[in-house]
Amino acid sequence: MTTQKDASDCFPILSLIYSHLNFGNQDYHKDHLHPASYFYNSKRADYQTDEDFKFYTDPTNWNSILNLQLLNGTLNQSKLDTPLKDWVTNNNIDKVNQLIPNISLDIADFKTFLTERKTLLVGQLKKMVL
């Protein structure tokens, strides 16, 4: 679950996780659920502790499969840097289909999001082998 967005095995892993998607007729992009721009633009003053700052700005957290989804290319272009919470709400996103945890999607809850998302992804992979 630590595979990074630009790793050669990232798209194949996401394709397994999102095997329910129609790959024949659509172009899918690797998309950050919580936008990468948030993490790139983070400043130490945005966080209460050095530990939080290091966690949020560490690509192993925000650039891994845990924060990635496969998204139709057109939808990805329209999503851009929209915060996950807003994108899900404003577009009536099917969280079950997109494997998005049913918890707070506020960026302040990113640590919890990663924990819950890992549980969902591991569960999805287990379904495939059982």
N, C-alpha and C. Protein backbone atom coordinates (compact mmCIF):
# COMPACT_ATOMS: atom_id res chain seq x y z
N MET A 1 0.81 -1.20 0.00
CA MET A 1 0.00 0.00 0.00
C MET A 1 0.86 1.27 0.00
N THR A 2 2.15 1.09 -0.17
CA THR A 2 3.04 2.26 -0.20
C THR A 2 3.45 2.64 -1.62
N THR A 3 2.95 1.92 -2.62
CA THR A 3 3.30 2.21 -4.01
C THR A 3 2.97 3.66 -4.34
N GLN A 4 3.92 4.34 -4.96
CA GLN A 4 3.77 5.75 -5.29
C GLN A 4 3.17 5.95 -6.68
N LYS A 5 2.58 7.12 -6.91
CA LYS A 5 1.85 7.41 -8.13
C LYS A 5 2.65 7.15 -9.39
N ASP A 6 3.92 7.52 -9.43
CA ASP A 6 4.71 7.38 -10.65
C ASP A 6 5.43 6.05 -10.77
N ALA A 7 5.22 5.15 -9.83
CA ALA A 7 5.85 3.82 -9.91
C ALA A 7 5.21 3.03 -11.05
N SER A 8 6.02 2.20 -11.69
CA SER A 8 5.53 1.44 -12.84
C SER A 8 4.40 0.48 -12.50
N ASP A 9 4.33 0.04 -11.25
CA ASP A 9 3.27 -0.90 -10.87
C ASP A 9 2.02 -0.23 -10.29
N CYS A 10 2.00 1.08 -10.24
CA CYS A 10 0.87 1.79 -9.63
C CYS A 10 -0.43 1.58 -10.42
N PHE A 11 -0.41 1.85 -11.72
CA PHE A 11 -1.64 1.71 -12.50
C PHE A 11 -2.15 0.27 -12.50
N PRO A 12 -1.28 -0.73 -12.68
CA PRO A 12 -1.78 -2.11 -12.61
C PRO A 12 -2.41 -2.46 -11.26
N ILE A 13 -1.83 -1.98 -10.18
CA ILE A 13 -2.41 -2.25 -8.85
C ILE A 13 -3.76 -1.58 -8.72
N LEU A 14 -3.84 -0.31 -9.12
CA LEU A 14 -5.12 0.39 -9.07
C LEU A 14 -6.15 -0.27 -9.98
N SER A 15 -5.71 -0.80 -11.10
CA SER A 15 -6.62 -1.50 -12.02
C SER A 15 -7.22 -2.75 -11.36
N LEU A 16 -6.43 -3.44 -10.57
CA LEU A 16 -6.96 -4.58 -9.82
C LEU A 16 -7.97 -4.12 -8.77
N ILE A 17 -7.60 -3.09 -8.04
CA ILE A 17 -8.47 -2.58 -6.98
C ILE A 17 -9.79 -2.07 -7.57
N TYR A 18 -9.69 -1.40 -8.71
CA TYR A 18 -10.88 -0.83 -9.38
C TYR A 18 -11.31 -1.70 -10.55
N SER A 19 -11.23 -3.00 -10.41
CA SER A 19 -11.55 -3.92 -11.50
C SER A 19 -13.02 -3.84 -11.94
N HIS A 20 -13.86 -3.22 -11.13
CA HIS A 20 -15.28 -3.07 -11.47
C HIS A 20 -15.53 -1.97 -12.50
N LEU A 21 -14.51 -1.18 -12.83
CA LEU A 21 -14.68 -0.10 -13.80
C LEU A 21 -14.66 -0.64 -15.23
N ASN A 22 -15.24 0.12 -16.14
CA ASN A 22 -15.29 -0.25 -17.55
C ASN A 22 -14.05 0.31 -18.26
N PHE A 23 -13.01 -0.48 -18.35
CA PHE A 23 -11.75 -0.02 -18.94
C PHE A 23 -11.79 0.02 -20.46
N GLY A 24 -12.73 -0.68 -21.08
CA GLY A 24 -12.77 -0.76 -22.53
C GLY A 24 -13.14 0.53 -23.22
N ASN A 25 -13.98 1.32 -22.61
CA ASN A 25 -14.51 2.50 -23.30
C ASN A 25 -14.08 3.83 -22.70
N GLN A 26 -13.23 3.81 -21.70
CA GLN A 26 -12.86 5.06 -21.05
C GLN A 26 -11.37 5.11 -20.77
N ASP A 27 -10.87 6.33 -20.70
CA ASP A 27 -9.47 6.58 -20.36
C ASP A 27 -9.43 6.96 -18.88
N TYR A 28 -8.73 6.17 -18.09
CA TYR A 28 -8.67 6.44 -16.65
C TYR A 28 -7.32 7.04 -16.28
N HIS A 29 -7.36 7.98 -15.34
CA HIS A 29 -6.17 8.63 -14.82
C HIS A 29 -5.96 8.22 -13.37
N LYS A 30 -4.71 8.24 -12.95
CA LYS A 30 -4.39 8.10 -11.53
C LYS A 30 -4.63 9.48 -10.92
N ASP A 31 -5.50 9.54 -9.95
CA ASP A 31 -5.91 10.81 -9.37
C ASP A 31 -5.71 10.80 -7.86
N HIS A 32 -5.16 11.89 -7.34
CA HIS A 32 -5.06 12.05 -5.89
C HIS A 32 -6.45 12.36 -5.34
N LEU A 33 -6.91 11.59 -4.40
CA LEU A 33 -8.19 11.87 -3.75
C LEU A 33 -8.12 13.23 -3.05
N HIS A 34 -7.22 13.34 -2.09
CA HIS A 34 -6.91 14.65 -1.51
C HIS A 34 -5.85 15.24 -2.43
N PRO A 35 -6.10 16.40 -3.04
CA PRO A 35 -5.22 16.94 -4.08
C PRO A 35 -3.77 17.12 -3.65
N ALA A 36 -2.87 16.75 -4.55
CA ALA A 36 -1.44 16.88 -4.30
C ALA A 36 -1.06 18.33 -4.01
N SER A 37 -1.76 19.27 -4.64
CA SER A 37 -1.42 20.69 -4.46
C SER A 37 -1.52 21.11 -2.99
N TYR A 38 -2.46 20.52 -2.26
CA TYR A 38 -2.57 20.86 -0.84
C TYR A 38 -1.27 20.53 -0.11
N PHE A 39 -0.73 19.38 -0.39
CA PHE A 39 0.47 18.92 0.32
C PHE A 39 1.71 19.68 -0.16
N TYR A 40 1.77 19.94 -1.47
CA TYR A 40 2.90 20.71 -2.02
C TYR A 40 2.97 22.11 -1.41
N ASN A 41 1.81 22.70 -1.20
CA ASN A 41 1.74 24.08 -0.74
C ASN A 41 1.68 24.23 0.77
N SER A 42 1.79 23.15 1.50
CA SER A 42 1.71 23.20 2.96
C SER A 42 2.89 23.98 3.55
N LYS A 43 2.58 24.72 4.58
CA LYS A 43 3.59 25.48 5.33
C LYS A 43 3.57 24.99 6.78
N ARG A 44 4.69 25.07 7.44
CA ARG A 44 4.79 24.62 8.83
C ARG A 44 3.72 25.29 9.70
N ALA A 45 3.43 26.55 9.43
CA ALA A 45 2.45 27.29 10.23
C ALA A 45 1.03 26.73 10.11
N ASP A 46 0.79 25.90 9.10
CA ASP A 46 -0.53 25.30 8.91
C ASP A 46 -0.82 24.19 9.92
N TYR A 47 0.19 23.76 10.66
CA TYR A 47 0.07 22.59 11.54
C TYR A 47 0.45 22.94 12.96
N GLN A 48 -0.17 22.22 13.89
CA GLN A 48 0.11 22.47 15.30
C GLN A 48 1.44 21.90 15.74
N THR A 49 1.87 20.81 15.11
CA THR A 49 3.12 20.17 15.55
C THR A 49 4.03 19.89 14.35
N ASP A 50 5.32 19.76 14.65
CA ASP A 50 6.28 19.37 13.62
C ASP A 50 5.94 17.99 13.08
N GLU A 51 5.48 17.12 13.97
CA GLU A 51 5.11 15.75 13.56
C GLU A 51 4.01 15.77 12.50
N ASP A 52 2.98 16.59 12.72
CA ASP A 52 1.90 16.69 11.73
C ASP A 52 2.42 17.25 10.41
N PHE A 53 3.23 18.28 10.48
CA PHE A 53 3.79 18.88 9.27
C PHE A 53 4.57 17.84 8.47
N LYS A 54 5.42 17.08 9.16
CA LYS A 54 6.21 16.05 8.48
C LYS A 54 5.31 14.98 7.87
N PHE A 55 4.28 14.58 8.59
CA PHE A 55 3.37 13.55 8.08
C PHE A 55 2.66 14.03 6.81
N TYR A 56 2.08 15.21 6.87
CA TYR A 56 1.29 15.72 5.74
C TYR A 56 2.15 16.03 4.52
N THR A 57 3.39 16.40 4.71
CA THR A 57 4.24 16.75 3.57
C THR A 57 5.09 15.59 3.08
N ASP A 58 4.98 14.45 3.71
CA ASP A 58 5.75 13.27 3.30
C ASP A 58 5.02 12.56 2.15
N PRO A 59 5.65 12.53 0.96
CA PRO A 59 4.99 11.89 -0.19
C PRO A 59 4.63 10.42 0.04
N THR A 60 5.33 9.74 0.92
CA THR A 60 4.96 8.35 1.17
C THR A 60 3.55 8.24 1.72
N ASN A 61 3.04 9.31 2.27
CA ASN A 61 1.67 9.32 2.77
C ASN A 61 0.69 9.81 1.69
N TRP A 62 0.89 11.01 1.17
CA TRP A 62 -0.10 11.60 0.28
C TRP A 62 0.01 11.16 -1.18
N ASN A 63 1.15 10.59 -1.58
CA ASN A 63 1.35 10.21 -2.98
C ASN A 63 1.25 8.69 -3.18
N SER A 64 0.80 7.97 -2.17
CA SER A 64 0.71 6.51 -2.25
C SER A 64 -0.67 6.09 -2.75
N ILE A 65 -0.79 4.81 -3.03
CA ILE A 65 -2.06 4.23 -3.48
C ILE A 65 -3.19 4.53 -2.49
N LEU A 66 -2.86 4.72 -1.23
CA LEU A 66 -3.90 5.02 -0.24
C LEU A 66 -4.62 6.33 -0.53
N ASN A 67 -3.97 7.24 -1.24
CA ASN A 67 -4.58 8.52 -1.58
C ASN A 67 -4.79 8.64 -3.09
N LEU A 68 -4.84 7.52 -3.78
CA LEU A 68 -5.04 7.54 -5.24
C LEU A 68 -6.29 6.76 -5.61
N GLN A 69 -6.90 7.17 -6.70
CA GLN A 69 -8.02 6.45 -7.28
C GLN A 69 -7.85 6.46 -8.80
N LEU A 70 -8.58 5.59 -9.46
CA LEU A 70 -8.69 5.69 -10.91
C LEU A 70 -9.94 6.49 -11.19
N LEU A 71 -9.78 7.50 -12.02
CA LEU A 71 -10.89 8.40 -12.32
C LEU A 71 -10.93 8.66 -13.81
N ASN A 72 -12.12 8.64 -14.37
CA ASN A 72 -12.31 8.97 -15.78
C ASN A 72 -11.54 10.26 -16.08
N GLY A 73 -10.82 10.27 -17.20
CA GLY A 73 -9.97 11.41 -17.55
C GLY A 73 -10.70 12.74 -17.56
N THR A 74 -11.91 12.77 -18.11
CA THR A 74 -12.68 14.01 -18.16
C THR A 74 -13.04 14.48 -16.76
N LEU A 75 -13.47 13.55 -15.91
CA LEU A 75 -13.79 13.91 -14.52
C LEU A 75 -12.55 14.40 -13.79
N ASN A 76 -11.43 13.77 -14.06
CA ASN A 76 -10.19 14.17 -13.40
C ASN A 76 -9.82 15.60 -13.79
N GLN A 77 -9.99 15.94 -15.05
CA GLN A 77 -9.67 17.30 -15.50
C GLN A 77 -10.58 18.33 -14.84
N SER A 78 -11.83 17.97 -14.59
CA SER A 78 -12.74 18.91 -13.95
C SER A 78 -12.52 18.97 -12.44
N LYS A 79 -12.01 17.89 -11.86
CA LYS A 79 -11.78 17.85 -10.42
C LYS A 79 -10.63 18.76 -10.02
N LEU A 80 -9.55 18.71 -10.77
CA LEU A 80 -8.35 19.52 -10.52
C LEU A 80 -7.95 19.49 -9.05
N ASP A 81 -7.91 20.66 -8.42
CA ASP A 81 -7.43 20.77 -7.04
C ASP A 81 -8.57 20.91 -6.03
N THR A 82 -9.74 20.45 -6.40
CA THR A 82 -10.89 20.53 -5.51
C THR A 82 -10.67 19.64 -4.29
N PRO A 83 -10.86 20.19 -3.09
CA PRO A 83 -10.75 19.35 -1.89
C PRO A 83 -11.69 18.15 -1.99
N LEU A 84 -11.23 17.01 -1.52
CA LEU A 84 -12.01 15.77 -1.61
C LEU A 84 -13.41 15.93 -1.03
N LYS A 85 -13.49 16.53 0.14
CA LYS A 85 -14.78 16.71 0.81
C LYS A 85 -15.76 17.46 -0.11
N ASP A 86 -15.31 18.52 -0.75
CA ASP A 86 -16.16 19.31 -1.64
C ASP A 86 -16.51 18.55 -2.91
N TRP A 87 -15.53 17.86 -3.48
CA TRP A 87 -15.74 17.12 -4.72
C TRP A 87 -16.79 16.03 -4.53
N VAL A 88 -16.69 15.29 -3.44
CA VAL A 88 -17.65 14.21 -3.16
C VAL A 88 -19.05 14.78 -2.97
N THR A 89 -19.16 15.84 -2.19
CA THR A 89 -20.46 16.44 -1.90
C THR A 89 -21.08 17.09 -3.13
N ASN A 90 -20.32 17.91 -3.83
CA ASN A 90 -20.86 18.68 -4.96
C ASN A 90 -21.18 17.83 -6.18
N ASN A 91 -20.58 16.65 -6.27
CA ASN A 91 -20.78 15.80 -7.44
C ASN A 91 -21.51 14.50 -7.13
N ASN A 92 -22.04 14.40 -5.92
CA ASN A 92 -22.76 13.18 -5.51
C ASN A 92 -21.98 11.92 -5.85
N ILE A 93 -20.72 11.90 -5.46
CA ILE A 93 -19.83 10.78 -5.77
C ILE A 93 -20.26 9.54 -4.98
N ASP A 94 -20.29 8.42 -5.65
CA ASP A 94 -20.60 7.14 -5.03
C ASP A 94 -19.35 6.67 -4.27
N LYS A 95 -19.34 6.89 -2.97
CA LYS A 95 -18.16 6.56 -2.17
C LYS A 95 -17.87 5.07 -2.16
N VAL A 96 -18.89 4.26 -2.23
CA VAL A 96 -18.67 2.81 -2.24
C VAL A 96 -17.95 2.41 -3.52
N ASN A 97 -18.42 2.88 -4.66
CA ASN A 97 -17.83 2.56 -5.95
C ASN A 97 -16.39 3.09 -6.06
N GLN A 98 -16.14 4.24 -5.49
CA GLN A 98 -14.81 4.85 -5.57
C GLN A 98 -13.92 4.45 -4.39
N LEU A 99 -14.43 3.59 -3.54
CA LEU A 99 -13.67 3.09 -2.38
C LEU A 99 -13.18 4.23 -1.49
N ILE A 100 -14.10 5.14 -1.21
CA ILE A 100 -13.81 6.27 -0.33
C ILE A 100 -14.47 5.99 1.01
N PRO A 101 -13.71 6.02 2.10
CA PRO A 101 -14.28 5.70 3.41
C PRO A 101 -15.44 6.62 3.79
N ASN A 102 -16.39 6.08 4.51
CA ASN A 102 -17.55 6.84 4.95
C ASN A 102 -17.24 7.51 6.29
N ILE A 103 -16.29 8.42 6.24
CA ILE A 103 -15.83 9.17 7.41
C ILE A 103 -15.68 10.62 6.99
N SER A 104 -15.24 11.46 7.91
CA SER A 104 -14.95 12.85 7.56
C SER A 104 -13.88 12.87 6.47
N LEU A 105 -14.13 13.64 5.42
CA LEU A 105 -13.17 13.76 4.33
C LEU A 105 -12.42 15.08 4.39
N ASP A 106 -12.53 15.74 5.52
CA ASP A 106 -11.79 16.99 5.72
C ASP A 106 -10.30 16.68 5.76
N ILE A 107 -9.51 17.56 5.21
CA ILE A 107 -8.07 17.34 5.17
C ILE A 107 -7.48 17.23 6.58
N ALA A 108 -8.12 17.83 7.56
CA ALA A 108 -7.64 17.74 8.94
C ALA A 108 -7.70 16.30 9.46
N ASP A 109 -8.50 15.47 8.81
CA ASP A 109 -8.66 14.07 9.22
C ASP A 109 -7.92 13.12 8.28
N PHE A 110 -6.88 13.61 7.63
CA PHE A 110 -6.15 12.83 6.64
C PHE A 110 -5.54 11.56 7.21
N LYS A 111 -5.03 11.61 8.42
CA LYS A 111 -4.44 10.40 9.02
C LYS A 111 -5.49 9.30 9.16
N THR A 112 -6.64 9.66 9.66
CA THR A 112 -7.73 8.69 9.81
C THR A 112 -8.19 8.21 8.44
N PHE A 113 -8.25 9.12 7.48
CA PHE A 113 -8.63 8.76 6.12
C PHE A 113 -7.71 7.66 5.58
N LEU A 114 -6.40 7.82 5.75
CA LEU A 114 -5.46 6.82 5.25
C LEU A 114 -5.66 5.46 5.91
N THR A 115 -5.89 5.47 7.21
CA THR A 115 -6.12 4.21 7.94
C THR A 115 -7.36 3.50 7.42
N GLU A 116 -8.45 4.25 7.28
CA GLU A 116 -9.71 3.67 6.81
C GLU A 116 -9.63 3.26 5.34
N ARG A 117 -8.96 4.04 4.57
CA ARG A 117 -8.81 3.72 3.14
C ARG A 117 -7.99 2.44 2.96
N LYS A 118 -6.97 2.28 3.77
CA LYS A 118 -6.17 1.05 3.71
C LYS A 118 -7.05 -0.16 3.98
N THR A 119 -7.91 -0.06 4.98
CA THR A 119 -8.83 -1.15 5.30
C THR A 119 -9.71 -1.48 4.10
N LEU A 120 -10.24 -0.45 3.44
CA LEU A 120 -11.09 -0.68 2.26
C LEU A 120 -10.32 -1.35 1.12
N LEU A 121 -9.11 -0.86 0.85
CA LEU A 121 -8.34 -1.40 -0.27
C LEU A 121 -7.90 -2.84 -0.01
N VAL A 122 -7.47 -3.11 1.21
CA VAL A 122 -7.08 -4.49 1.56
C VAL A 122 -8.30 -5.40 1.43
N GLY A 123 -9.45 -4.93 1.89
CA GLY A 123 -10.68 -5.72 1.77
C GLY A 123 -11.03 -5.98 0.31
N GLN A 124 -10.86 -4.99 -0.53
CA GLN A 124 -11.15 -5.15 -1.96
C GLN A 124 -10.23 -6.19 -2.58
N LEU A 125 -8.96 -6.15 -2.24
CA LEU A 125 -8.01 -7.13 -2.77
C LEU A 125 -8.30 -8.53 -2.25
N LYS A 126 -8.69 -8.64 -0.98
CA LYS A 126 -9.03 -9.95 -0.41
C LYS A 126 -10.23 -10.57 -1.13
N LYS A 127 -11.21 -9.75 -1.49
CA LYS A 127 -12.38 -10.26 -2.22
C LYS A 127 -11.97 -10.91 -3.53
N MET A 128 -10.93 -10.40 -4.12
CA MET A 128 -10.49 -10.90 -5.43
C MET A 128 -9.83 -12.27 -5.33
N VAL A 129 -9.24 -12.57 -4.18
CA VAL A 129 -8.53 -13.84 -4.05
C VAL A 129 -9.36 -14.91 -3.34
N LEU A 130 -10.49 -14.55 -2.82
CA LEU A 130 -11.34 -15.53 -2.12
C LEU A 130 -12.38 -16.11 -3.05
